[in-house]
């Protein structure tokens, strides 16, 4: 079985989580979330644990000796040097982990599609390890409403997040497929079914 590796990206509030949860239920797909992989690598037996502890100090640990995400976030907040140091530890480790998982699944030959979701999919050069990039798109007003309703974000916080992310033009420029998520989830699933159809892949 020839497996295809697909990177999934999109702005905050675009609905990536719902899309990926649906894909993960399919027998021919596997989904890997980069942030979940990072959390595993930051556990005491993970490759990021000791380097992060050395960089940030033991005050980021909880009572059980694990890295406390909130304490780590508070320590690097506003400190560009520490943030750069953390990213320099975590991002390469996650990318190496994902590359190893891709090879593992190719060898096993049990799935048709491996989806990788990462917040910095484009910025971190994941195009080099995936076969195709998908952009989950939703209009800004729809995204704003979702963030207010589901996460309780204020306009100020939403503005700050949107400002830090790539523009729609940049997402579109780097991605091969655009999945529109401005309506119903069923409409999204219909688009995905079409993209995963045998006819489309045979044409490539």
N, C-alpha and C. Protein backbone atom coordinates (compact mmCIF):
# COMPACT_ATOMS: atom_id res chain seq x y z
N UNK A 1 0.84 -1.20 0.00
CA UNK A 1 0.00 0.00 0.00
C UNK A 1 0.88 1.25 0.00
N UNK A 2 0.60 2.17 -0.89
CA UNK A 2 1.36 3.40 -1.00
C UNK A 2 0.73 4.46 -0.09
N UNK A 3 1.43 4.81 0.96
CA UNK A 3 0.90 5.78 1.91
C UNK A 3 1.26 7.20 1.51
N UNK A 4 0.29 8.11 1.67
CA UNK A 4 0.51 9.53 1.41
C UNK A 4 0.57 10.28 2.74
N UNK A 5 1.52 11.19 2.85
CA UNK A 5 1.68 11.98 4.06
C UNK A 5 1.17 13.39 3.78
N UNK A 6 0.21 13.84 4.58
CA UNK A 6 -0.45 15.12 4.35
C UNK A 6 -0.30 16.02 5.57
N UNK A 7 0.25 17.20 5.36
CA UNK A 7 0.36 18.18 6.43
C UNK A 7 -0.90 19.02 6.48
N UNK A 8 -1.38 19.30 7.67
CA UNK A 8 -2.62 20.07 7.83
C UNK A 8 -2.32 21.33 8.65
N UNK A 9 -2.73 22.47 8.10
CA UNK A 9 -2.50 23.73 8.80
C UNK A 9 -3.70 24.65 8.63
N UNK A 10 -3.65 25.80 9.26
CA UNK A 10 -4.75 26.75 9.19
C UNK A 10 -4.71 27.66 10.40
N UNK A 11 -5.34 28.79 10.30
CA UNK A 11 -5.34 29.75 11.40
C UNK A 11 -6.18 29.29 12.58
N UNK A 12 -5.98 29.92 13.71
CA UNK A 12 -6.74 29.59 14.91
C UNK A 12 -8.23 29.80 14.66
N UNK A 13 -9.04 28.84 15.12
CA UNK A 13 -10.48 28.94 14.93
C UNK A 13 -10.97 28.43 13.58
N UNK A 14 -10.06 27.89 12.77
CA UNK A 14 -10.46 27.39 11.45
C UNK A 14 -11.20 26.06 11.52
N UNK A 15 -11.08 25.37 12.66
CA UNK A 15 -11.77 24.10 12.82
C UNK A 15 -10.93 22.88 12.53
N UNK A 16 -9.61 23.00 12.66
CA UNK A 16 -8.73 21.87 12.37
C UNK A 16 -9.01 20.67 13.28
N UNK A 17 -9.29 20.93 14.55
CA UNK A 17 -9.47 19.85 15.52
C UNK A 17 -10.62 18.92 15.14
N UNK A 18 -11.75 19.51 14.73
CA UNK A 18 -12.91 18.71 14.33
C UNK A 18 -12.59 17.89 13.09
N UNK A 19 -11.91 18.49 12.15
CA UNK A 19 -11.55 17.80 10.91
C UNK A 19 -10.63 16.62 11.21
N UNK A 20 -9.61 16.86 12.03
CA UNK A 20 -8.64 15.82 12.34
C UNK A 20 -9.25 14.71 13.19
N UNK A 21 -10.17 15.05 14.09
CA UNK A 21 -10.84 14.03 14.90
C UNK A 21 -11.66 13.10 14.01
N UNK A 22 -12.30 13.67 13.00
CA UNK A 22 -13.07 12.86 12.06
C UNK A 22 -12.16 11.96 11.22
N UNK A 23 -11.05 12.50 10.76
CA UNK A 23 -10.10 11.72 9.97
C UNK A 23 -9.51 10.57 10.78
N UNK A 24 -9.27 10.83 12.07
CA UNK A 24 -8.63 9.83 12.92
C UNK A 24 -9.52 8.60 13.14
N UNK A 25 -10.82 8.75 12.87
CA UNK A 25 -11.74 7.62 13.04
C UNK A 25 -11.76 6.70 11.83
N UNK A 26 -11.20 7.16 10.73
CA UNK A 26 -11.18 6.35 9.51
C UNK A 26 -10.12 5.25 9.63
N UNK A 27 -10.44 4.08 9.13
CA UNK A 27 -9.52 2.96 9.24
C UNK A 27 -8.29 3.12 8.34
N UNK A 28 -8.40 3.96 7.31
CA UNK A 28 -7.28 4.11 6.38
C UNK A 28 -6.40 5.32 6.70
N UNK A 29 -6.66 5.97 7.84
CA UNK A 29 -5.91 7.18 8.20
C UNK A 29 -5.33 7.09 9.61
N UNK A 30 -4.26 7.84 9.81
CA UNK A 30 -3.74 8.09 11.15
C UNK A 30 -3.44 9.57 11.26
N UNK A 31 -3.71 10.15 12.40
CA UNK A 31 -3.46 11.57 12.63
C UNK A 31 -2.44 11.73 13.75
N UNK A 32 -1.43 12.57 13.52
CA UNK A 32 -0.45 12.89 14.56
C UNK A 32 -0.48 14.40 14.77
N UNK A 33 -0.72 14.81 16.01
CA UNK A 33 -0.72 16.23 16.38
C UNK A 33 0.66 16.58 16.93
N UNK A 34 1.30 17.55 16.32
CA UNK A 34 2.66 17.90 16.72
C UNK A 34 2.75 18.36 18.17
N UNK A 35 1.71 19.08 18.66
CA UNK A 35 1.78 19.55 20.04
C UNK A 35 1.68 18.39 21.03
N UNK A 36 0.90 17.35 20.68
CA UNK A 36 0.82 16.18 21.53
C UNK A 36 2.14 15.41 21.53
N UNK A 37 2.78 15.38 20.36
CA UNK A 37 4.10 14.74 20.27
C UNK A 37 5.10 15.50 21.15
N UNK A 38 5.01 16.83 21.13
CA UNK A 38 5.92 17.65 21.95
C UNK A 38 5.73 17.36 23.43
N UNK A 39 4.47 17.21 23.84
CA UNK A 39 4.20 16.91 25.25
C UNK A 39 4.83 15.59 25.67
N UNK A 40 4.77 14.59 24.79
CA UNK A 40 5.38 13.29 25.11
C UNK A 40 6.90 13.43 25.22
N UNK A 41 7.48 14.21 24.32
CA UNK A 41 8.94 14.38 24.31
C UNK A 41 9.43 15.19 25.50
N UNK A 42 8.50 15.93 26.15
CA UNK A 42 8.85 16.73 27.32
C UNK A 42 8.64 15.99 28.63
N UNK A 43 8.17 14.76 28.55
CA UNK A 43 8.03 13.93 29.75
C UNK A 43 9.43 13.57 30.27
N UNK A 44 9.55 13.16 31.54
CA UNK A 44 10.87 12.86 32.12
C UNK A 44 11.72 11.88 31.31
N UNK A 45 11.07 10.97 30.57
CA UNK A 45 11.85 10.02 29.76
C UNK A 45 11.99 10.48 28.32
N UNK A 46 11.55 11.69 28.01
CA UNK A 46 11.61 12.20 26.64
C UNK A 46 12.91 12.96 26.38
N UNK A 47 13.24 13.13 25.10
CA UNK A 47 14.52 13.72 24.72
C UNK A 47 14.59 15.22 25.02
N UNK A 48 13.45 15.87 25.20
CA UNK A 48 13.45 17.32 25.46
C UNK A 48 13.53 17.66 26.95
N UNK A 49 13.28 16.70 27.80
CA UNK A 49 13.14 16.98 29.24
C UNK A 49 14.40 17.61 29.85
N UNK A 50 15.52 16.92 29.74
CA UNK A 50 16.74 17.42 30.38
C UNK A 50 17.22 18.73 29.76
N UNK A 51 17.21 18.88 28.42
CA UNK A 51 17.62 20.17 27.84
C UNK A 51 16.74 21.33 28.31
N UNK A 52 15.43 21.12 28.41
CA UNK A 52 14.53 22.17 28.87
C UNK A 52 14.77 22.49 30.35
N UNK A 53 15.01 21.45 31.11
CA UNK A 53 15.28 21.64 32.54
C UNK A 53 16.58 22.43 32.74
N UNK A 54 17.57 22.11 31.91
CA UNK A 54 18.85 22.82 32.01
C UNK A 54 18.70 24.29 31.59
N UNK A 55 17.88 24.55 30.60
CA UNK A 55 17.68 25.91 30.10
C UNK A 55 16.85 26.76 31.04
N UNK A 56 15.77 26.19 31.57
CA UNK A 56 14.79 26.98 32.32
C UNK A 56 14.87 26.83 33.84
N UNK A 57 15.54 25.78 34.30
CA UNK A 57 15.67 25.59 35.74
C UNK A 57 14.58 24.70 36.32
N UNK A 58 14.81 24.23 37.54
CA UNK A 58 13.89 23.29 38.18
C UNK A 58 12.57 23.94 38.62
N UNK A 59 12.49 25.26 38.59
CA UNK A 59 11.24 25.90 39.03
C UNK A 59 10.12 25.76 38.01
N UNK A 60 10.40 25.12 36.87
CA UNK A 60 9.32 24.85 35.90
C UNK A 60 8.72 23.46 36.14
N UNK A 61 9.23 22.74 37.14
CA UNK A 61 8.76 21.38 37.41
C UNK A 61 7.62 21.38 38.43
N UNK A 62 6.75 20.38 38.30
CA UNK A 62 5.68 20.24 39.30
C UNK A 62 6.18 19.36 40.45
N UNK A 63 5.29 19.01 41.35
CA UNK A 63 5.68 18.24 42.54
C UNK A 63 6.20 16.85 42.19
N UNK A 64 5.79 16.33 41.03
CA UNK A 64 6.22 15.00 40.62
C UNK A 64 7.45 15.02 39.71
N UNK A 65 7.99 16.22 39.50
CA UNK A 65 9.19 16.32 38.68
C UNK A 65 8.93 16.44 37.19
N UNK A 66 7.67 16.58 36.82
CA UNK A 66 7.34 16.77 35.40
C UNK A 66 7.32 18.26 35.06
N UNK A 67 7.49 18.55 33.79
CA UNK A 67 7.45 19.95 33.36
C UNK A 67 6.01 20.45 33.43
N UNK A 68 5.82 21.54 34.14
CA UNK A 68 4.51 22.17 34.27
C UNK A 68 4.37 23.18 33.12
N UNK A 69 3.42 22.92 32.22
CA UNK A 69 3.28 23.75 31.02
C UNK A 69 3.02 25.21 31.36
N UNK A 70 2.21 25.45 32.39
CA UNK A 70 1.89 26.82 32.76
C UNK A 70 3.11 27.54 33.33
N UNK A 71 3.87 26.82 34.14
CA UNK A 71 5.09 27.43 34.71
C UNK A 71 6.10 27.73 33.60
N UNK A 72 6.23 26.81 32.65
CA UNK A 72 7.17 27.03 31.55
C UNK A 72 6.73 28.21 30.70
N UNK A 73 5.42 28.28 30.41
CA UNK A 73 4.90 29.38 29.60
C UNK A 73 5.12 30.72 30.30
N UNK A 74 4.91 30.74 31.61
CA UNK A 74 5.08 31.98 32.37
C UNK A 74 6.55 32.43 32.37
N UNK A 75 7.45 31.46 32.40
CA UNK A 75 8.87 31.81 32.47
C UNK A 75 9.38 32.38 31.14
N UNK A 76 8.86 31.87 30.04
CA UNK A 76 9.37 32.34 28.74
C UNK A 76 8.55 33.51 28.18
N UNK A 77 7.44 33.84 28.85
CA UNK A 77 6.59 34.92 28.37
C UNK A 77 7.37 36.24 28.34
N UNK A 78 7.42 36.84 27.16
CA UNK A 78 8.10 38.12 27.02
C UNK A 78 9.61 38.04 26.94
N UNK A 79 10.16 36.84 27.02
CA UNK A 79 11.62 36.67 26.94
C UNK A 79 11.96 35.98 25.62
N UNK A 80 12.33 36.76 24.64
CA UNK A 80 12.58 36.22 23.29
C UNK A 80 13.76 35.26 23.26
N UNK A 81 14.74 35.50 24.12
CA UNK A 81 15.92 34.62 24.15
C UNK A 81 15.54 33.24 24.65
N UNK A 82 14.77 33.19 25.75
CA UNK A 82 14.34 31.88 26.28
C UNK A 82 13.40 31.18 25.31
N UNK A 83 12.49 31.95 24.70
CA UNK A 83 11.56 31.36 23.74
C UNK A 83 12.32 30.74 22.58
N UNK A 84 13.31 31.45 22.09
CA UNK A 84 14.13 30.92 20.99
C UNK A 84 14.85 29.64 21.43
N UNK A 85 15.33 29.64 22.67
CA UNK A 85 16.01 28.46 23.19
C UNK A 85 15.09 27.26 23.29
N UNK A 86 13.86 27.49 23.80
CA UNK A 86 12.88 26.41 23.92
C UNK A 86 12.52 25.87 22.53
N UNK A 87 12.25 26.78 21.60
CA UNK A 87 11.91 26.35 20.24
C UNK A 87 13.04 25.57 19.60
N UNK A 88 14.27 25.98 19.90
CA UNK A 88 15.44 25.29 19.34
C UNK A 88 15.60 23.88 19.87
N UNK A 89 15.03 23.62 21.03
CA UNK A 89 15.05 22.27 21.61
C UNK A 89 13.87 21.45 21.12
N UNK A 90 12.68 22.03 21.19
CA UNK A 90 11.46 21.27 20.93
C UNK A 90 11.19 21.03 19.45
N UNK A 91 11.28 22.06 18.63
CA UNK A 91 10.90 21.90 17.22
C UNK A 91 11.71 20.84 16.47
N UNK A 92 13.05 20.85 16.57
CA UNK A 92 13.82 19.80 15.89
C UNK A 92 13.50 18.39 16.40
N UNK A 93 13.25 18.28 17.71
CA UNK A 93 12.93 16.97 18.29
C UNK A 93 11.59 16.46 17.78
N UNK A 94 10.61 17.34 17.69
CA UNK A 94 9.30 16.96 17.18
C UNK A 94 9.41 16.55 15.72
N UNK A 95 10.14 17.31 14.95
CA UNK A 95 10.30 17.00 13.52
C UNK A 95 10.98 15.64 13.34
N UNK A 96 11.99 15.35 14.16
CA UNK A 96 12.67 14.05 14.08
C UNK A 96 11.71 12.93 14.46
N UNK A 97 10.89 13.17 15.49
CA UNK A 97 9.90 12.17 15.91
C UNK A 97 8.90 11.90 14.79
N UNK A 98 8.40 12.96 14.17
CA UNK A 98 7.43 12.79 13.09
C UNK A 98 8.04 12.08 11.89
N UNK A 99 9.27 12.41 11.57
CA UNK A 99 9.96 11.72 10.47
C UNK A 99 10.08 10.24 10.74
N UNK A 100 10.39 9.89 11.99
CA UNK A 100 10.49 8.48 12.37
C UNK A 100 9.14 7.78 12.29
N UNK A 101 8.07 8.49 12.67
CA UNK A 101 6.73 7.91 12.60
C UNK A 101 6.30 7.68 11.15
N UNK A 102 6.69 8.59 10.27
CA UNK A 102 6.38 8.42 8.84
C UNK A 102 7.04 7.15 8.32
N UNK A 103 8.31 6.98 8.64
CA UNK A 103 9.04 5.78 8.18
C UNK A 103 8.43 4.52 8.78
N UNK A 104 8.03 4.59 10.03
CA UNK A 104 7.41 3.45 10.70
C UNK A 104 6.12 3.03 9.98
N UNK A 105 5.28 4.02 9.65
CA UNK A 105 4.01 3.71 8.98
C UNK A 105 4.23 3.25 7.55
N UNK A 106 5.22 3.80 6.87
CA UNK A 106 5.52 3.34 5.50
C UNK A 106 5.93 1.87 5.52
N UNK A 107 6.73 1.52 6.50
CA UNK A 107 7.20 0.13 6.62
C UNK A 107 6.05 -0.81 6.96
N UNK A 108 5.17 -0.38 7.86
CA UNK A 108 4.03 -1.22 8.26
C UNK A 108 3.05 -1.41 7.11
N UNK A 109 2.85 -0.37 6.31
CA UNK A 109 1.98 -0.47 5.12
C UNK A 109 0.52 -0.76 5.44
N UNK A 110 0.02 -0.25 6.54
CA UNK A 110 -1.35 -0.58 6.96
C UNK A 110 -2.35 0.55 6.74
N UNK A 111 -1.87 1.76 6.44
CA UNK A 111 -2.78 2.89 6.22
C UNK A 111 -2.47 3.56 4.88
N UNK A 112 -3.46 4.27 4.37
CA UNK A 112 -3.29 4.99 3.11
C UNK A 112 -2.82 6.43 3.31
N UNK A 113 -3.26 7.03 4.43
CA UNK A 113 -2.97 8.44 4.65
C UNK A 113 -2.50 8.70 6.08
N UNK A 114 -1.40 9.43 6.19
CA UNK A 114 -0.91 9.87 7.50
C UNK A 114 -0.99 11.40 7.52
N UNK A 115 -1.81 11.92 8.44
CA UNK A 115 -1.99 13.36 8.56
C UNK A 115 -1.16 13.90 9.71
N UNK A 116 -0.45 14.99 9.45
CA UNK A 116 0.37 15.65 10.48
C UNK A 116 -0.12 17.07 10.65
N UNK A 117 -0.50 17.42 11.87
CA UNK A 117 -0.94 18.79 12.17
C UNK A 117 0.10 19.47 13.04
N UNK A 118 0.52 20.65 12.61
CA UNK A 118 1.49 21.42 13.39
C UNK A 118 1.20 22.90 13.22
N UNK A 119 1.29 23.64 14.32
CA UNK A 119 0.99 25.07 14.28
C UNK A 119 1.94 25.80 13.33
N UNK A 120 3.18 25.35 13.28
CA UNK A 120 4.19 26.01 12.44
C UNK A 120 4.59 25.12 11.28
N UNK A 121 3.62 24.48 10.69
CA UNK A 121 3.87 23.53 9.59
C UNK A 121 4.66 24.19 8.46
N UNK A 122 4.26 25.39 8.09
CA UNK A 122 4.92 26.10 7.00
C UNK A 122 6.25 26.69 7.46
N UNK A 123 6.20 27.38 8.61
CA UNK A 123 7.38 28.07 9.09
C UNK A 123 8.55 27.13 9.40
N UNK A 124 8.24 25.92 9.85
CA UNK A 124 9.28 24.97 10.22
C UNK A 124 9.71 24.06 9.07
N UNK A 125 9.21 24.33 7.87
CA UNK A 125 9.65 23.60 6.69
C UNK A 125 9.15 22.17 6.58
N UNK A 126 7.94 21.91 7.07
CA UNK A 126 7.41 20.55 7.01
C UNK A 126 7.07 20.11 5.59
N UNK A 127 7.05 21.06 4.65
CA UNK A 127 6.80 20.70 3.25
C UNK A 127 7.85 19.71 2.77
N UNK A 128 9.00 19.71 3.43
CA UNK A 128 10.07 18.80 3.03
C UNK A 128 9.86 17.37 3.46
N UNK A 129 8.92 17.11 4.40
CA UNK A 129 8.72 15.73 4.84
C UNK A 129 7.31 15.21 4.56
N UNK A 130 6.44 16.06 3.99
CA UNK A 130 5.09 15.60 3.64
C UNK A 130 4.94 15.59 2.12
N UNK A 131 3.94 14.85 1.65
CA UNK A 131 3.69 14.78 0.21
C UNK A 131 2.80 15.91 -0.27
N UNK A 132 2.01 16.45 0.65
CA UNK A 132 1.04 17.47 0.27
C UNK A 132 0.67 18.29 1.50
N UNK A 133 0.34 19.57 1.27
CA UNK A 133 -0.06 20.45 2.37
C UNK A 133 -1.51 20.87 2.18
N UNK A 134 -2.31 20.74 3.25
CA UNK A 134 -3.72 21.15 3.23
C UNK A 134 -3.91 22.36 4.13
N UNK A 135 -4.72 23.28 3.65
CA UNK A 135 -5.07 24.49 4.41
C UNK A 135 -6.55 24.44 4.77
N UNK A 136 -6.85 24.35 6.06
CA UNK A 136 -8.23 24.42 6.52
C UNK A 136 -8.57 25.91 6.67
N UNK A 137 -9.50 26.37 5.85
CA UNK A 137 -9.79 27.80 5.80
C UNK A 137 -11.20 28.11 6.31
N UNK A 138 -11.28 29.18 7.07
CA UNK A 138 -12.57 29.75 7.48
C UNK A 138 -12.40 31.26 7.51
N UNK A 139 -13.45 31.99 7.16
CA UNK A 139 -13.38 33.44 7.15
C UNK A 139 -13.08 33.99 8.53
N UNK A 140 -12.48 35.18 8.56
CA UNK A 140 -12.05 35.75 9.84
C UNK A 140 -13.21 35.96 10.82
N UNK A 141 -14.32 36.44 10.34
CA UNK A 141 -15.44 36.69 11.25
C UNK A 141 -15.97 35.39 11.85
N UNK A 142 -16.00 34.34 11.05
CA UNK A 142 -16.44 33.04 11.55
C UNK A 142 -15.46 32.53 12.60
N UNK A 143 -14.19 32.69 12.35
CA UNK A 143 -13.17 32.25 13.30
C UNK A 143 -13.27 33.04 14.60
N UNK A 144 -13.48 34.34 14.48
CA UNK A 144 -13.62 35.17 15.67
C UNK A 144 -14.80 34.70 16.53
N UNK A 145 -15.91 34.42 15.88
CA UNK A 145 -17.10 33.99 16.61
C UNK A 145 -16.87 32.65 17.29
N UNK A 146 -16.21 31.74 16.61
CA UNK A 146 -15.91 30.43 17.19
C UNK A 146 -15.04 30.58 18.43
N UNK A 147 -14.03 31.44 18.34
CA UNK A 147 -13.11 31.62 19.46
C UNK A 147 -13.80 32.25 20.66
N UNK A 148 -14.73 33.15 20.41
CA UNK A 148 -15.48 33.77 21.51
C UNK A 148 -16.42 32.75 22.15
N UNK A 149 -17.07 31.95 21.31
CA UNK A 149 -18.06 31.00 21.81
C UNK A 149 -17.42 29.79 22.50
N UNK A 150 -16.44 29.18 21.84
CA UNK A 150 -15.87 27.93 22.35
C UNK A 150 -14.77 28.13 23.39
N UNK A 151 -14.03 29.23 23.30
CA UNK A 151 -12.90 29.42 24.20
C UNK A 151 -13.04 30.65 25.11
N UNK A 152 -14.05 31.46 24.84
CA UNK A 152 -14.26 32.64 25.66
C UNK A 152 -13.21 33.72 25.48
N UNK A 153 -12.57 33.76 24.32
CA UNK A 153 -11.53 34.74 24.07
C UNK A 153 -12.13 36.14 23.88
N UNK A 154 -11.38 37.15 24.31
CA UNK A 154 -11.77 38.54 24.10
C UNK A 154 -11.29 38.99 22.72
N UNK A 155 -11.84 40.11 22.25
CA UNK A 155 -11.39 40.66 20.97
C UNK A 155 -9.90 40.99 21.01
N UNK A 156 -9.44 41.48 22.15
CA UNK A 156 -8.03 41.84 22.28
C UNK A 156 -7.14 40.61 22.12
N UNK A 157 -7.53 39.51 22.76
CA UNK A 157 -6.72 38.30 22.66
C UNK A 157 -6.77 37.73 21.24
N UNK A 158 -7.94 37.77 20.63
CA UNK A 158 -8.08 37.27 19.26
C UNK A 158 -7.22 38.09 18.31
N UNK A 159 -7.25 39.41 18.47
CA UNK A 159 -6.44 40.29 17.61
C UNK A 159 -4.96 39.96 17.74
N UNK A 160 -4.52 39.71 18.97
CA UNK A 160 -3.11 39.39 19.23
C UNK A 160 -2.71 38.09 18.55
N UNK A 161 -3.59 37.07 18.62
CA UNK A 161 -3.29 35.78 18.02
C UNK A 161 -3.26 35.89 16.50
N UNK A 162 -4.26 36.54 15.95
CA UNK A 162 -4.34 36.67 14.48
C UNK A 162 -3.13 37.42 13.93
N UNK A 163 -2.68 38.42 14.67
CA UNK A 163 -1.54 39.21 14.23
C UNK A 163 -0.26 38.38 14.17
N UNK A 164 -0.18 37.36 15.03
CA UNK A 164 1.03 36.54 15.11
C UNK A 164 1.06 35.41 14.08
N UNK A 165 -0.06 35.18 13.42
CA UNK A 165 -0.15 34.05 12.49
C UNK A 165 0.02 34.51 11.04
N UNK A 166 0.27 33.54 10.17
CA UNK A 166 0.43 33.85 8.75
C UNK A 166 -0.86 34.40 8.17
N UNK A 167 -0.73 35.18 7.13
CA UNK A 167 -1.90 35.72 6.44
C UNK A 167 -2.54 34.62 5.60
N UNK A 168 -3.79 34.85 5.21
CA UNK A 168 -4.48 33.89 4.35
C UNK A 168 -3.71 33.70 3.04
N UNK A 169 -3.15 34.77 2.51
CA UNK A 169 -2.39 34.68 1.26
C UNK A 169 -1.19 33.76 1.41
N UNK A 170 -0.51 33.84 2.56
CA UNK A 170 0.66 32.99 2.80
C UNK A 170 0.26 31.53 2.92
N UNK A 171 -0.82 31.27 3.67
CA UNK A 171 -1.30 29.90 3.79
C UNK A 171 -1.61 29.32 2.41
N UNK A 172 -2.33 30.07 1.61
CA UNK A 172 -2.73 29.59 0.28
C UNK A 172 -1.51 29.39 -0.62
N UNK A 173 -0.54 30.24 -0.49
CA UNK A 173 0.64 30.15 -1.36
C UNK A 173 1.44 28.88 -1.10
N UNK A 174 1.44 28.44 0.15
CA UNK A 174 2.27 27.28 0.51
C UNK A 174 1.51 25.94 0.46
N UNK A 175 0.19 25.98 0.36
CA UNK A 175 -0.59 24.74 0.45
C UNK A 175 -1.14 24.29 -0.91
N UNK A 176 -1.27 22.98 -1.04
CA UNK A 176 -1.72 22.38 -2.30
C UNK A 176 -3.24 22.26 -2.37
N UNK A 177 -3.88 22.12 -1.22
CA UNK A 177 -5.33 21.90 -1.16
C UNK A 177 -5.93 22.85 -0.14
N UNK A 178 -7.06 23.46 -0.46
CA UNK A 178 -7.79 24.31 0.47
C UNK A 178 -9.13 23.65 0.80
N UNK A 179 -9.35 23.39 2.07
CA UNK A 179 -10.62 22.84 2.55
C UNK A 179 -11.40 23.98 3.20
N UNK A 180 -12.57 24.31 2.63
CA UNK A 180 -13.36 25.42 3.16
C UNK A 180 -14.23 24.96 4.33
N UNK A 181 -14.08 25.64 5.46
CA UNK A 181 -14.85 25.28 6.66
C UNK A 181 -15.66 26.48 7.14
N UNK A 182 -16.47 27.02 6.23
CA UNK A 182 -17.31 28.16 6.57
C UNK A 182 -18.76 27.77 6.81
N UNK A 183 -19.09 26.49 6.54
CA UNK A 183 -20.47 26.04 6.68
C UNK A 183 -20.59 24.89 7.64
N UNK A 184 -21.24 23.81 7.18
CA UNK A 184 -21.45 22.65 8.04
C UNK A 184 -20.25 21.71 7.99
N UNK A 185 -20.09 20.92 9.05
CA UNK A 185 -19.02 19.93 9.05
C UNK A 185 -19.24 18.88 7.97
N UNK A 186 -20.50 18.56 7.69
CA UNK A 186 -20.76 17.59 6.64
C UNK A 186 -20.24 18.08 5.30
N UNK A 187 -20.35 19.39 5.08
CA UNK A 187 -19.81 19.96 3.86
C UNK A 187 -18.30 19.82 3.79
N UNK A 188 -17.66 19.95 4.94
CA UNK A 188 -16.21 19.77 5.01
C UNK A 188 -15.83 18.33 4.72
N UNK A 189 -16.58 17.40 5.32
CA UNK A 189 -16.28 15.98 5.12
C UNK A 189 -16.45 15.58 3.65
N UNK A 190 -17.42 16.17 2.99
CA UNK A 190 -17.63 15.89 1.56
C UNK A 190 -16.42 16.33 0.74
N UNK A 191 -15.89 17.49 1.06
CA UNK A 191 -14.69 17.98 0.38
C UNK A 191 -13.51 17.03 0.60
N UNK A 192 -13.36 16.57 1.84
CA UNK A 192 -12.24 15.69 2.17
C UNK A 192 -12.37 14.35 1.47
N UNK A 193 -13.58 13.80 1.46
CA UNK A 193 -13.80 12.53 0.77
C UNK A 193 -13.39 12.63 -0.68
N UNK A 194 -13.69 13.75 -1.30
CA UNK A 194 -13.31 13.97 -2.70
C UNK A 194 -11.79 14.00 -2.84
N UNK A 195 -11.13 14.69 -1.92
CA UNK A 195 -9.66 14.80 -1.98
C UNK A 195 -8.97 13.46 -1.75
N UNK A 196 -9.60 12.60 -0.94
CA UNK A 196 -8.99 11.31 -0.63
C UNK A 196 -9.39 10.21 -1.61
N UNK A 197 -10.23 10.54 -2.56
CA UNK A 197 -10.71 9.55 -3.52
C UNK A 197 -9.58 8.95 -4.35
N UNK A 198 -9.77 7.69 -4.70
CA UNK A 198 -8.73 6.97 -5.46
C UNK A 198 -8.43 7.65 -6.78
N UNK A 199 -9.45 8.19 -7.45
CA UNK A 199 -9.24 8.79 -8.76
C UNK A 199 -8.25 9.95 -8.71
N UNK A 200 -8.38 10.75 -7.66
CA UNK A 200 -7.49 11.91 -7.56
C UNK A 200 -6.04 11.48 -7.40
N UNK A 201 -5.77 10.50 -6.55
CA UNK A 201 -4.39 10.10 -6.30
C UNK A 201 -3.79 9.36 -7.48
N UNK A 202 -4.62 8.66 -8.24
CA UNK A 202 -4.11 7.96 -9.41
C UNK A 202 -3.65 8.92 -10.51
N UNK A 203 -4.18 10.13 -10.47
CA UNK A 203 -3.81 11.11 -11.49
C UNK A 203 -2.44 11.73 -11.22
N UNK A 204 -1.94 11.58 -10.01
CA UNK A 204 -0.68 12.22 -9.66
C UNK A 204 0.53 11.38 -10.08
